[in-house]
Amino acid sequence: YCQCIEANRFRYSTFGREANRTLRDL
């Protein structure tokens, strides 16, 4: 699951979509 979470890095960017708001829905 750690690898699955990391595989979603492309969905986020600096000053863009923030992981703290959407991690729970990933």
mmCIF file of all heavy atoms, coordinates in Angstrom:
data_MODEL
# 
_entry.id   MODEL 
# 
loop_
_atom_site.group_PDB 
_atom_site.id 
_atom_site.type_symbol 
_atom_site.label_atom_id 
_atom_site.label_alt_id 
_atom_site.label_comp_id 
_atom_site.label_asym_id 
_atom_site.label_entity_id 
_atom_site.label_seq_id 
_atom_site.pdbx_PDB_ins_code 
_atom_site.Cartn_x 
_atom_site.Cartn_y 
_atom_site.Cartn_z 
_atom_site.occupancy 
_atom_site.B_iso_or_equiv 
_atom_site.pdbx_formal_charge 
_atom_site.auth_seq_id 
_atom_site.auth_comp_id 
_atom_site.auth_asym_id 
_atom_site.auth_atom_id 
_atom_site.pdbx_PDB_model_num 
ATOM 1   N N   . TYR A 1 1  ? 0.820   -1.208 0.000   1.00 0.00 ? 1  TYR A N   1 
ATOM 2   C CA  . TYR A 1 1  ? 0.000   0.000  0.000   1.00 0.00 ? 1  TYR A CA  1 
ATOM 3   C C   . TYR A 1 1  ? 0.861   1.269  0.000   1.00 0.00 ? 1  TYR A C   1 
ATOM 4   O O   . TYR A 1 1  ? 0.480   2.280  -0.597  1.00 0.00 ? 1  TYR A O   1 
ATOM 5   C CB  . TYR A 1 1  ? -1.005  -0.004 1.153   1.00 0.00 ? 1  TYR A CB  1 
ATOM 6   C CG  . TYR A 1 1  ? -2.228  -0.828 0.821   1.00 0.00 ? 1  TYR A CG  1 
ATOM 7   C CD1 . TYR A 1 1  ? -2.539  -1.980 1.531   1.00 0.00 ? 1  TYR A CD1 1 
ATOM 8   C CD2 . TYR A 1 1  ? -3.062  -0.463 -0.236  1.00 0.00 ? 1  TYR A CD2 1 
ATOM 9   C CE1 . TYR A 1 1  ? -3.656  -2.734 1.210   1.00 0.00 ? 1  TYR A CE1 1 
ATOM 10  C CE2 . TYR A 1 1  ? -4.174  -1.222 -0.565  1.00 0.00 ? 1  TYR A CE2 1 
ATOM 11  C CZ  . TYR A 1 1  ? -4.468  -2.349 0.155   1.00 0.00 ? 1  TYR A CZ  1 
ATOM 12  O OH  . TYR A 1 1  ? -5.570  -3.105 -0.172  1.00 0.00 ? 1  TYR A OH  1 
ATOM 13  N N   . CYS A 1 2  ? 2.032   1.217  0.632   1.00 0.00 ? 2  CYS A N   1 
ATOM 14  C CA  . CYS A 1 2  ? 2.954   2.363  0.558   1.00 0.00 ? 2  CYS A CA  1 
ATOM 15  C C   . CYS A 1 2  ? 3.313   2.647  -0.899  1.00 0.00 ? 2  CYS A C   1 
ATOM 16  O O   . CYS A 1 2  ? 3.305   3.804  -1.343  1.00 0.00 ? 2  CYS A O   1 
ATOM 17  C CB  . CYS A 1 2  ? 4.226   2.092  1.357   1.00 0.00 ? 2  CYS A CB  1 
ATOM 18  S SG  . CYS A 1 2  ? 4.031   2.177  3.146   1.00 0.00 ? 2  CYS A SG  1 
ATOM 19  N N   . GLN A 1 3  ? 3.624   1.603  -1.650  1.00 0.00 ? 3  GLN A N   1 
ATOM 20  C CA  . GLN A 1 3  ? 3.968   1.774  -3.062  1.00 0.00 ? 3  GLN A CA  1 
ATOM 21  C C   . GLN A 1 3  ? 2.775   2.274  -3.875  1.00 0.00 ? 3  GLN A C   1 
ATOM 22  O O   . GLN A 1 3  ? 2.928   3.102  -4.773  1.00 0.00 ? 3  GLN A O   1 
ATOM 23  C CB  . GLN A 1 3  ? 4.504   0.463  -3.650  1.00 0.00 ? 3  GLN A CB  1 
ATOM 24  C CG  . GLN A 1 3  ? 5.841   0.050  -3.076  1.00 0.00 ? 3  GLN A CG  1 
ATOM 25  C CD  . GLN A 1 3  ? 6.895   1.126  -3.277  1.00 0.00 ? 3  GLN A CD  1 
ATOM 26  O OE1 . GLN A 1 3  ? 7.154   1.552  -4.392  1.00 0.00 ? 3  GLN A OE1 1 
ATOM 27  N NE2 . GLN A 1 3  ? 7.485   1.582  -2.183  1.00 0.00 ? 3  GLN A NE2 1 
ATOM 28  N N   . CYS A 1 4  ? 1.587   1.789  -3.558  1.00 0.00 ? 4  CYS A N   1 
ATOM 29  C CA  . CYS A 1 4  ? 0.384   2.242  -4.256  1.00 0.00 ? 4  CYS A CA  1 
ATOM 30  C C   . CYS A 1 4  ? 0.128   3.730  -4.004  1.00 0.00 ? 4  CYS A C   1 
ATOM 31  O O   . CYS A 1 4  ? -0.246  4.473  -4.921  1.00 0.00 ? 4  CYS A O   1 
ATOM 32  C CB  . CYS A 1 4  ? -0.835  1.431  -3.827  1.00 0.00 ? 4  CYS A CB  1 
ATOM 33  S SG  . CYS A 1 4  ? -0.800  -0.291 -4.368  1.00 0.00 ? 4  CYS A SG  1 
ATOM 34  N N   . ILE A 1 5  ? 0.323   4.166  -2.772  1.00 0.00 ? 5  ILE A N   1 
ATOM 35  C CA  . ILE A 1 5  ? 0.139   5.583  -2.445  1.00 0.00 ? 5  ILE A CA  1 
ATOM 36  C C   . ILE A 1 5  ? 1.162   6.419  -3.197  1.00 0.00 ? 5  ILE A C   1 
ATOM 37  O O   . ILE A 1 5  ? 0.821   7.421  -3.841  1.00 0.00 ? 5  ILE A O   1 
ATOM 38  C CB  . ILE A 1 5  ? 0.232   5.808  -0.916  1.00 0.00 ? 5  ILE A CB  1 
ATOM 39  C CG1 . ILE A 1 5  ? -0.977  5.171  -0.218  1.00 0.00 ? 5  ILE A CG1 1 
ATOM 40  C CG2 . ILE A 1 5  ? 0.339   7.300  -0.590  1.00 0.00 ? 5  ILE A CG2 1 
ATOM 41  C CD1 . ILE A 1 5  ? -0.859  5.081  1.294   1.00 0.00 ? 5  ILE A CD1 1 
ATOM 42  N N   . GLU A 1 6  ? 2.440   6.023  -3.152  1.00 0.00 ? 6  GLU A N   1 
ATOM 43  C CA  . GLU A 1 6  ? 3.499   6.774  -3.833  1.00 0.00 ? 6  GLU A CA  1 
ATOM 44  C C   . GLU A 1 6  ? 3.278   6.834  -5.345  1.00 0.00 ? 6  GLU A C   1 
ATOM 45  O O   . GLU A 1 6  ? 3.662   7.802  -5.993  1.00 0.00 ? 6  GLU A O   1 
ATOM 46  C CB  . GLU A 1 6  ? 4.866   6.175  -3.525  1.00 0.00 ? 6  GLU A CB  1 
ATOM 47  C CG  . GLU A 1 6  ? 5.332   6.463  -2.119  1.00 0.00 ? 6  GLU A CG  1 
ATOM 48  C CD  . GLU A 1 6  ? 6.771   6.039  -1.869  1.00 0.00 ? 6  GLU A CD  1 
ATOM 49  O OE1 . GLU A 1 6  ? 7.535   5.851  -2.841  1.00 0.00 ? 6  GLU A OE1 1 
ATOM 50  O OE2 . GLU A 1 6  ? 7.134   5.922  -0.691  1.00 0.00 ? 6  GLU A OE2 1 
ATOM 51  N N   . ALA A 1 7  ? 2.666   5.820  -5.912  1.00 0.00 ? 7  ALA A N   1 
ATOM 52  C CA  . ALA A 1 7  ? 2.417   5.786  -7.360  1.00 0.00 ? 7  ALA A CA  1 
ATOM 53  C C   . ALA A 1 7  ? 1.454   6.893  -7.800  1.00 0.00 ? 7  ALA A C   1 
ATOM 54  O O   . ALA A 1 7  ? 1.324   7.162  -8.989  1.00 0.00 ? 7  ALA A O   1 
ATOM 55  C CB  . ALA A 1 7  ? 1.868   4.418  -7.762  1.00 0.00 ? 7  ALA A CB  1 
ATOM 56  N N   . ASN A 1 8  ? 0.825   7.560  -6.855  1.00 0.00 ? 8  ASN A N   1 
ATOM 57  C CA  . ASN A 1 8  ? -0.115  8.635  -7.169  1.00 0.00 ? 8  ASN A CA  1 
ATOM 58  C C   . ASN A 1 8  ? 0.510   10.027 -7.090  1.00 0.00 ? 8  ASN A C   1 
ATOM 59  O O   . ASN A 1 8  ? -0.206  11.027 -7.187  1.00 0.00 ? 8  ASN A O   1 
ATOM 60  C CB  . ASN A 1 8  ? -1.323  8.553  -6.230  1.00 0.00 ? 8  ASN A CB  1 
ATOM 61  C CG  . ASN A 1 8  ? -2.269  7.463  -6.639  1.00 0.00 ? 8  ASN A CG  1 
ATOM 62  O OD1 . ASN A 1 8  ? -3.088  7.647  -7.527  1.00 0.00 ? 8  ASN A OD1 1 
ATOM 63  N ND2 . ASN A 1 8  ? -2.131  6.300  -6.005  1.00 0.00 ? 8  ASN A ND2 1 
ATOM 64  N N   . ARG A 1 9  ? 1.822   10.113 -6.950  1.00 0.00 ? 9  ARG A N   1 
ATOM 65  C CA  . ARG A 1 9  ? 2.502   11.416 -6.862  1.00 0.00 ? 9  ARG A CA  1 
ATOM 66  C C   . ARG A 1 9  ? 2.172   12.325 -8.035  1.00 0.00 ? 9  ARG A C   1 
ATOM 67  O O   . ARG A 1 9  ? 2.086   13.531 -7.888  1.00 0.00 ? 9  ARG A O   1 
ATOM 68  C CB  . ARG A 1 9  ? 4.016   11.225 -6.817  1.00 0.00 ? 9  ARG A CB  1 
ATOM 69  C CG  . ARG A 1 9  ? 4.538   10.800 -5.504  1.00 0.00 ? 9  ARG A CG  1 
ATOM 70  C CD  . ARG A 1 9  ? 6.039   10.704 -5.553  1.00 0.00 ? 9  ARG A CD  1 
ATOM 71  N NE  . ARG A 1 9  ? 6.532   10.426 -4.222  1.00 0.00 ? 9  ARG A NE  1 
ATOM 72  C CZ  . ARG A 1 9  ? 7.694   9.884  -3.976  1.00 0.00 ? 9  ARG A CZ  1 
ATOM 73  N NH1 . ARG A 1 9  ? 8.509   9.567  -4.966  1.00 0.00 ? 9  ARG A NH1 1 
ATOM 74  N NH2 . ARG A 1 9  ? 8.072   9.654  -2.735  1.00 0.00 ? 9  ARG A NH2 1 
ATOM 75  N N   . PHE A 1 10 ? 2.025   11.745 -9.207  1.00 0.00 ? 10 PHE A N   1 
ATOM 76  C CA  . PHE A 1 10 ? 1.790   12.545 -10.407 1.00 0.00 ? 10 PHE A CA  1 
ATOM 77  C C   . PHE A 1 10 ? 0.506   13.368 -10.320 1.00 0.00 ? 10 PHE A C   1 
ATOM 78  O O   . PHE A 1 10 ? 0.325   14.332 -11.059 1.00 0.00 ? 10 PHE A O   1 
ATOM 79  C CB  . PHE A 1 10 ? 1.747   11.642 -11.654 1.00 0.00 ? 10 PHE A CB  1 
ATOM 80  C CG  . PHE A 1 10 ? 0.493   10.825 -11.773 1.00 0.00 ? 10 PHE A CG  1 
ATOM 81  C CD1 . PHE A 1 10 ? -0.580  11.285 -12.527 1.00 0.00 ? 10 PHE A CD1 1 
ATOM 82  C CD2 . PHE A 1 10 ? 0.372   9.597  -11.123 1.00 0.00 ? 10 PHE A CD2 1 
ATOM 83  C CE1 . PHE A 1 10 ? -1.746  10.538 -12.633 1.00 0.00 ? 10 PHE A CE1 1 
ATOM 84  C CE2 . PHE A 1 10 ? -0.787  8.845  -11.230 1.00 0.00 ? 10 PHE A CE2 1 
ATOM 85  C CZ  . PHE A 1 10 ? -1.852  9.314  -11.989 1.00 0.00 ? 10 PHE A CZ  1 
ATOM 86  N N   . ARG A 1 11 ? -0.383  13.013 -9.424  1.00 0.00 ? 11 ARG A N   1 
ATOM 87  C CA  . ARG A 1 11 ? -1.657  13.720 -9.288  1.00 0.00 ? 11 ARG A CA  1 
ATOM 88  C C   . ARG A 1 11 ? -1.515  15.053 -8.556  1.00 0.00 ? 11 ARG A C   1 
ATOM 89  O O   . ARG A 1 11 ? -2.457  15.843 -8.501  1.00 0.00 ? 11 ARG A O   1 
ATOM 90  C CB  . ARG A 1 11 ? -2.662  12.858 -8.530  1.00 0.00 ? 11 ARG A CB  1 
ATOM 91  C CG  . ARG A 1 11 ? -3.007  11.569 -9.225  1.00 0.00 ? 11 ARG A CG  1 
ATOM 92  C CD  . ARG A 1 11 ? -4.010  10.763 -8.402  1.00 0.00 ? 11 ARG A CD  1 
ATOM 93  N NE  . ARG A 1 11 ? -4.228  9.470  -8.970  1.00 0.00 ? 11 ARG A NE  1 
ATOM 94  C CZ  . ARG A 1 11 ? -5.040  9.212  -10.000 1.00 0.00 ? 11 ARG A CZ  1 
ATOM 95  N NH1 . ARG A 1 11 ? -5.690  10.188 -10.570 1.00 0.00 ? 11 ARG A NH1 1 
ATOM 96  N NH2 . ARG A 1 11 ? -5.172  7.988  -10.455 1.00 0.00 ? 11 ARG A NH2 1 
ATOM 97  N N   . TYR A 1 12 ? -0.367  15.305 -7.949  1.00 0.00 ? 12 TYR A N   1 
ATOM 98  C CA  . TYR A 1 12 ? -0.179  16.478 -7.102  1.00 0.00 ? 12 TYR A CA  1 
ATOM 99  C C   . TYR A 1 12 ? 0.956   17.337 -7.632  1.00 0.00 ? 12 TYR A C   1 
ATOM 100 O O   . TYR A 1 12 ? 1.854   16.861 -8.315  1.00 0.00 ? 12 TYR A O   1 
ATOM 101 C CB  . TYR A 1 12 ? 0.126   16.032 -5.665  1.00 0.00 ? 12 TYR A CB  1 
ATOM 102 C CG  . TYR A 1 12 ? -0.982  15.193 -5.101  1.00 0.00 ? 12 TYR A CG  1 
ATOM 103 C CD1 . TYR A 1 12 ? -0.967  13.809 -5.231  1.00 0.00 ? 12 TYR A CD1 1 
ATOM 104 C CD2 . TYR A 1 12 ? -2.061  15.777 -4.468  1.00 0.00 ? 12 TYR A CD2 1 
ATOM 105 C CE1 . TYR A 1 12 ? -2.004  13.033 -4.739  1.00 0.00 ? 12 TYR A CE1 1 
ATOM 106 C CE2 . TYR A 1 12 ? -3.104  15.009 -3.972  1.00 0.00 ? 12 TYR A CE2 1 
ATOM 107 C CZ  . TYR A 1 12 ? -3.067  13.644 -4.109  1.00 0.00 ? 12 TYR A CZ  1 
ATOM 108 O OH  . TYR A 1 12 ? -4.089  12.888 -3.629  1.00 0.00 ? 12 TYR A OH  1 
ATOM 109 N N   . SER A 1 13 ? 0.919   18.622 -7.269  1.00 0.00 ? 13 SER A N   1 
ATOM 110 C CA  . SER A 1 13 ? 1.995   19.530 -7.654  1.00 0.00 ? 13 SER A CA  1 
ATOM 111 C C   . SER A 1 13 ? 2.122   20.629 -6.610  1.00 0.00 ? 13 SER A C   1 
ATOM 112 O O   . SER A 1 13 ? 1.190   20.896 -5.852  1.00 0.00 ? 13 SER A O   1 
ATOM 113 C CB  . SER A 1 13 ? 1.715   20.147 -9.034  1.00 0.00 ? 13 SER A CB  1 
ATOM 114 O OG  . SER A 1 13 ? 0.554   20.950 -8.971  1.00 0.00 ? 13 SER A OG  1 
ATOM 115 N N   . THR A 1 14 ? 3.283   21.270 -6.602  1.00 0.00 ? 14 THR A N   1 
ATOM 116 C CA  . THR A 1 14 ? 3.500   22.380 -5.692  1.00 0.00 ? 14 THR A CA  1 
ATOM 117 C C   . THR A 1 14 ? 2.527   23.498 -6.049  1.00 0.00 ? 14 THR A C   1 
ATOM 118 O O   . THR A 1 14 ? 2.365   23.841 -7.212  1.00 0.00 ? 14 THR A O   1 
ATOM 119 C CB  . THR A 1 14 ? 4.948   22.883 -5.810  1.00 0.00 ? 14 THR A CB  1 
ATOM 120 O OG1 . THR A 1 14 ? 5.822   21.769 -5.616  1.00 0.00 ? 14 THR A OG1 1 
ATOM 121 C CG2 . THR A 1 14 ? 5.234   23.946 -4.782  1.00 0.00 ? 14 THR A CG2 1 
ATOM 122 N N   . PHE A 1 15 ? 1.881   24.052 -5.080  1.00 0.00 ? 15 PHE A N   1 
ATOM 123 C CA  . PHE A 1 15 ? 0.902   25.130 -5.229  1.00 0.00 ? 15 PHE A CA  1 
ATOM 124 C C   . PHE A 1 15 ? -0.290  24.715 -6.096  1.00 0.00 ? 15 PHE A C   1 
ATOM 125 O O   . PHE A 1 15 ? -0.974  25.541 -6.664  1.00 0.00 ? 15 PHE A O   1 
ATOM 126 C CB  . PHE A 1 15 ? 1.548   26.397 -5.800  1.00 0.00 ? 15 PHE A CB  1 
ATOM 127 C CG  . PHE A 1 15 ? 2.750   26.842 -5.028  1.00 0.00 ? 15 PHE A CG  1 
ATOM 128 C CD1 . PHE A 1 15 ? 4.004   26.796 -5.587  1.00 0.00 ? 15 PHE A CD1 1 
ATOM 129 C CD2 . PHE A 1 15 ? 2.616   27.279 -3.715  1.00 0.00 ? 15 PHE A CD2 1 
ATOM 130 C CE1 . PHE A 1 15 ? 5.113   27.196 -4.867  1.00 0.00 ? 15 PHE A CE1 1 
ATOM 131 C CE2 . PHE A 1 15 ? 3.723   27.684 -2.989  1.00 0.00 ? 15 PHE A CE2 1 
ATOM 132 C CZ  . PHE A 1 15 ? 4.970   27.635 -3.567  1.00 0.00 ? 15 PHE A CZ  1 
ATOM 133 N N   . GLY A 1 16 ? -0.516  23.416 -6.204  1.00 0.00 ? 16 GLY A N   1 
ATOM 134 C CA  . GLY A 1 16 ? -1.652  22.911 -6.978  1.00 0.00 ? 16 GLY A CA  1 
ATOM 135 C C   . GLY A 1 16 ? -2.533  22.071 -6.074  1.00 0.00 ? 16 GLY A C   1 
ATOM 136 O O   . GLY A 1 16 ? -2.853  22.463 -4.959  1.00 0.00 ? 16 GLY A O   1 
ATOM 137 N N   . ARG A 1 17 ? -2.873  20.895 -6.532  1.00 0.00 ? 17 ARG A N   1 
ATOM 138 C CA  . ARG A 1 17 ? -3.695  19.982 -5.742  1.00 0.00 ? 17 ARG A CA  1 
ATOM 139 C C   . ARG A 1 17 ? -2.881  19.528 -4.536  1.00 0.00 ? 17 ARG A C   1 
ATOM 140 O O   . ARG A 1 17 ? -1.763  19.036 -4.687  1.00 0.00 ? 17 ARG A O   1 
ATOM 141 C CB  . ARG A 1 17 ? -4.087  18.790 -6.602  1.00 0.00 ? 17 ARG A CB  1 
ATOM 142 C CG  . ARG A 1 17 ? -5.056  17.872 -5.918  1.00 0.00 ? 17 ARG A CG  1 
ATOM 143 C CD  . ARG A 1 17 ? -5.578  16.828 -6.870  1.00 0.00 ? 17 ARG A CD  1 
ATOM 144 N NE  . ARG A 1 17 ? -6.576  16.028 -6.217  1.00 0.00 ? 17 ARG A NE  1 
ATOM 145 C CZ  . ARG A 1 17 ? -6.726  14.747 -6.433  1.00 0.00 ? 17 ARG A CZ  1 
ATOM 146 N NH1 . ARG A 1 17 ? -5.976  14.130 -7.317  1.00 0.00 ? 17 ARG A NH1 1 
ATOM 147 N NH2 . ARG A 1 17 ? -7.649  14.066 -5.796  1.00 0.00 ? 17 ARG A NH2 1 
ATOM 148 N N   . GLU A 1 18 ? -3.455  19.672 -3.364  1.00 0.00 ? 18 GLU A N   1 
ATOM 149 C CA  . GLU A 1 18 ? -2.739  19.352 -2.133  1.00 0.00 ? 18 GLU A CA  1 
ATOM 150 C C   . GLU A 1 18 ? -3.151  17.992 -1.593  1.00 0.00 ? 18 GLU A C   1 
ATOM 151 O O   . GLU A 1 18 ? -4.326  17.673 -1.517  1.00 0.00 ? 18 GLU A O   1 
ATOM 152 C CB  . GLU A 1 18 ? -2.997  20.430 -1.086  1.00 0.00 ? 18 GLU A CB  1 
ATOM 153 C CG  . GLU A 1 18 ? -2.487  21.792 -1.496  1.00 0.00 ? 18 GLU A CG  1 
ATOM 154 C CD  . GLU A 1 18 ? -2.783  22.843 -0.454  1.00 0.00 ? 18 GLU A CD  1 
ATOM 155 O OE1 . GLU A 1 18 ? -3.315  22.506 0.622   1.00 0.00 ? 18 GLU A OE1 1 
ATOM 156 O OE2 . GLU A 1 18 ? -2.484  24.011 -0.726  1.00 0.00 ? 18 GLU A OE2 1 
ATOM 157 N N   . ALA A 1 19 ? -2.161  17.206 -1.189  1.00 0.00 ? 19 ALA A N   1 
ATOM 158 C CA  . ALA A 1 19 ? -2.426  15.857 -0.677  1.00 0.00 ? 19 ALA A CA  1 
ATOM 159 C C   . ALA A 1 19 ? -3.155  15.878 0.658   1.00 0.00 ? 19 ALA A C   1 
ATOM 160 O O   . ALA A 1 19 ? -3.920  14.966 0.945   1.00 0.00 ? 19 ALA A O   1 
ATOM 161 C CB  . ALA A 1 19 ? -1.109  15.093 -0.554  1.00 0.00 ? 19 ALA A CB  1 
ATOM 162 N N   . ASN A 1 20 ? -2.940  16.911 1.464   1.00 0.00 ? 20 ASN A N   1 
ATOM 163 C CA  . ASN A 1 20 ? -3.588  16.931 2.781   1.00 0.00 ? 20 ASN A CA  1 
ATOM 164 C C   . ASN A 1 20 ? -5.110  17.039 2.672   1.00 0.00 ? 20 ASN A C   1 
ATOM 165 O O   . ASN A 1 20 ? -5.824  16.670 3.586   1.00 0.00 ? 20 ASN A O   1 
ATOM 166 C CB  . ASN A 1 20 ? -3.032  18.044 3.663   1.00 0.00 ? 20 ASN A CB  1 
ATOM 167 C CG  . ASN A 1 20 ? -3.199  19.420 3.064   1.00 0.00 ? 20 ASN A CG  1 
ATOM 168 O OD1 . ASN A 1 20 ? -3.461  19.570 1.866   1.00 0.00 ? 20 ASN A OD1 1 
ATOM 169 N ND2 . ASN A 1 20 ? -3.019  20.434 3.882   1.00 0.00 ? 20 ASN A ND2 1 
ATOM 170 N N   . ARG A 1 21 ? -5.631  17.504 1.551   1.00 0.00 ? 21 ARG A N   1 
ATOM 171 C CA  . ARG A 1 21 ? -7.074  17.624 1.370   1.00 0.00 ? 21 ARG A CA  1 
ATOM 172 C C   . ARG A 1 21 ? -7.689  16.381 0.727   1.00 0.00 ? 21 ARG A C   1 
ATOM 173 O O   . ARG A 1 21 ? -8.878  16.133 0.872   1.00 0.00 ? 21 ARG A O   1 
ATOM 174 C CB  . ARG A 1 21 ? -7.403  18.825 0.508   1.00 0.00 ? 21 ARG A CB  1 
ATOM 175 C CG  . ARG A 1 21 ? -7.091  20.128 1.190   1.00 0.00 ? 21 ARG A CG  1 
ATOM 176 C CD  . ARG A 1 21 ? -7.555  21.268 0.362   1.00 0.00 ? 21 ARG A CD  1 
ATOM 177 N NE  . ARG A 1 21 ? -7.222  22.507 1.036   1.00 0.00 ? 21 ARG A NE  1 
ATOM 178 C CZ  . ARG A 1 21 ? -7.714  23.665 0.700   1.00 0.00 ? 21 ARG A CZ  1 
ATOM 179 N NH1 . ARG A 1 21 ? -8.553  23.757 -0.305  1.00 0.00 ? 21 ARG A NH1 1 
ATOM 180 N NH2 . ARG A 1 21 ? -7.367  24.738 1.350   1.00 0.00 ? 21 ARG A NH2 1 
ATOM 181 N N   . THR A 1 22 ? -6.893  15.632 -0.030  1.00 0.00 ? 22 THR A N   1 
ATOM 182 C CA  . THR A 1 22 ? -7.484  14.564 -0.837  1.00 0.00 ? 22 THR A CA  1 
ATOM 183 C C   . THR A 1 22 ? -6.934  13.166 -0.564  1.00 0.00 ? 22 THR A C   1 
ATOM 184 O O   . THR A 1 22 ? -7.424  12.212 -1.151  1.00 0.00 ? 22 THR A O   1 
ATOM 185 C CB  . THR A 1 22 ? -7.286  14.872 -2.337  1.00 0.00 ? 22 THR A CB  1 
ATOM 186 O OG1 . THR A 1 22 ? -5.891  14.989 -2.602  1.00 0.00 ? 22 THR A OG1 1 
ATOM 187 C CG2 . THR A 1 22 ? -7.992  16.161 -2.724  1.00 0.00 ? 22 THR A CG2 1 
ATOM 188 N N   . LEU A 1 23 ? -5.950  13.036 0.310   1.00 0.00 ? 23 LEU A N   1 
ATOM 189 C CA  . LEU A 1 23 ? -5.370  11.713 0.577   1.00 0.00 ? 23 LEU A CA  1 
ATOM 190 C C   . LEU A 1 23 ? -6.450  10.711 0.971   1.00 0.00 ? 23 LEU A C   1 
ATOM 191 O O   . LEU A 1 23 ? -6.472  9.582  0.487   1.00 0.00 ? 23 LEU A O   1 
ATOM 192 C CB  . LEU A 1 23 ? -4.301  11.780 1.664   1.00 0.00 ? 23 LEU A CB  1 
ATOM 193 C CG  . LEU A 1 23 ? -3.698  10.435 2.068   1.00 0.00 ? 23 LEU A CG  1 
ATOM 194 C CD1 . LEU A 1 23 ? -2.899  9.838  0.915   1.00 0.00 ? 23 LEU A CD1 1 
ATOM 195 C CD2 . LEU A 1 23 ? -2.840  10.571 3.302   1.00 0.00 ? 23 LEU A CD2 1 
ATOM 196 N N   . ARG A 1 24 ? -7.364  11.105 1.803   1.00 0.00 ? 24 ARG A N   1 
ATOM 197 C CA  . ARG A 1 24 ? -8.386  10.163 2.297   1.00 0.00 ? 24 ARG A CA  1 
ATOM 198 C C   . ARG A 1 24 ? -9.258  9.604  1.184   1.00 0.00 ? 24 ARG A C   1 
ATOM 199 O O   . ARG A 1 24 ? -9.788  8.521  1.290   1.00 0.00 ? 24 ARG A O   1 
ATOM 200 C CB  . ARG A 1 24 ? -9.221  10.796 3.394   1.00 0.00 ? 24 ARG A CB  1 
ATOM 201 C CG  . ARG A 1 24 ? -10.070 11.962 3.002   1.00 0.00 ? 24 ARG A CG  1 
ATOM 202 C CD  . ARG A 1 24 ? -10.806 12.653 4.123   1.00 0.00 ? 24 ARG A CD  1 
ATOM 203 N NE  . ARG A 1 24 ? -11.121 12.236 5.450   1.00 0.00 ? 24 ARG A NE  1 
ATOM 204 C CZ  . ARG A 1 24 ? -10.505 11.499 6.395   1.00 0.00 ? 24 ARG A CZ  1 
ATOM 205 N NH1 . ARG A 1 24 ? -9.454  10.959 6.215   1.00 0.00 ? 24 ARG A NH1 1 
ATOM 206 N NH2 . ARG A 1 24 ? -10.938 11.273 7.567   1.00 0.00 ? 24 ARG A NH2 1 
ATOM 207 N N   . ASP A 1 25 ? -9.398  10.347 0.074   1.00 0.00 ? 25 ASP A N   1 
ATOM 208 C CA  . ASP A 1 25 ? -10.236 9.901  -1.033  1.00 0.00 ? 25 ASP A CA  1 
ATOM 209 C C   . ASP A 1 25 ? -9.455  9.245  -2.168  1.00 0.00 ? 25 ASP A C   1 
ATOM 210 O O   . ASP A 1 25 ? -10.046 8.824  -3.162  1.00 0.00 ? 25 ASP A O   1 
ATOM 211 C CB  . ASP A 1 25 ? -11.030 11.086 -1.598  1.00 0.00 ? 25 ASP A CB  1 
ATOM 212 C CG  . ASP A 1 25 ? -11.998 11.652 -0.575  1.00 0.00 ? 25 ASP A CG  1 
ATOM 213 O OD1 . ASP A 1 25 ? -12.604 10.855 0.170   1.00 0.00 ? 25 ASP A OD1 1 
ATOM 214 O OD2 . ASP A 1 25 ? -12.132 12.886 -0.509  1.00 0.00 ? 25 ASP A OD2 1 
ATOM 215 N N   . LEU A 1 26 ? -8.141  9.175  -2.025  1.00 0.00 ? 26 LEU A N   1 
ATOM 216 C CA  . LEU A 1 26 ? -7.294  8.549  -3.045  1.00 0.00 ? 26 LEU A CA  1 
ATOM 217 C C   . LEU A 1 26 ? -7.702  7.082  -3.202  1.00 0.00 ? 26 LEU A C   1 
ATOM 218 O O   . LEU A 1 26 ? -7.884  6.376  -2.208  1.00 0.00 ? 26 LEU A O   1 
ATOM 219 C CB  . LEU A 1 26 ? -5.835  8.644  -2.612  1.00 0.00 ? 26 LEU A CB  1 
ATOM 220 C CG  . LEU A 1 26 ? -4.781  8.320  -3.639  1.00 0.00 ? 26 LEU A CG  1 
ATOM 221 C CD1 . LEU A 1 26 ? -4.782  9.361  -4.754  1.00 0.00 ? 26 LEU A CD1 1 
ATOM 222 C CD2 . LEU A 1 26 ? -3.423  8.311  -2.959  1.00 0.00 ? 26 LEU A CD2 1 
# 
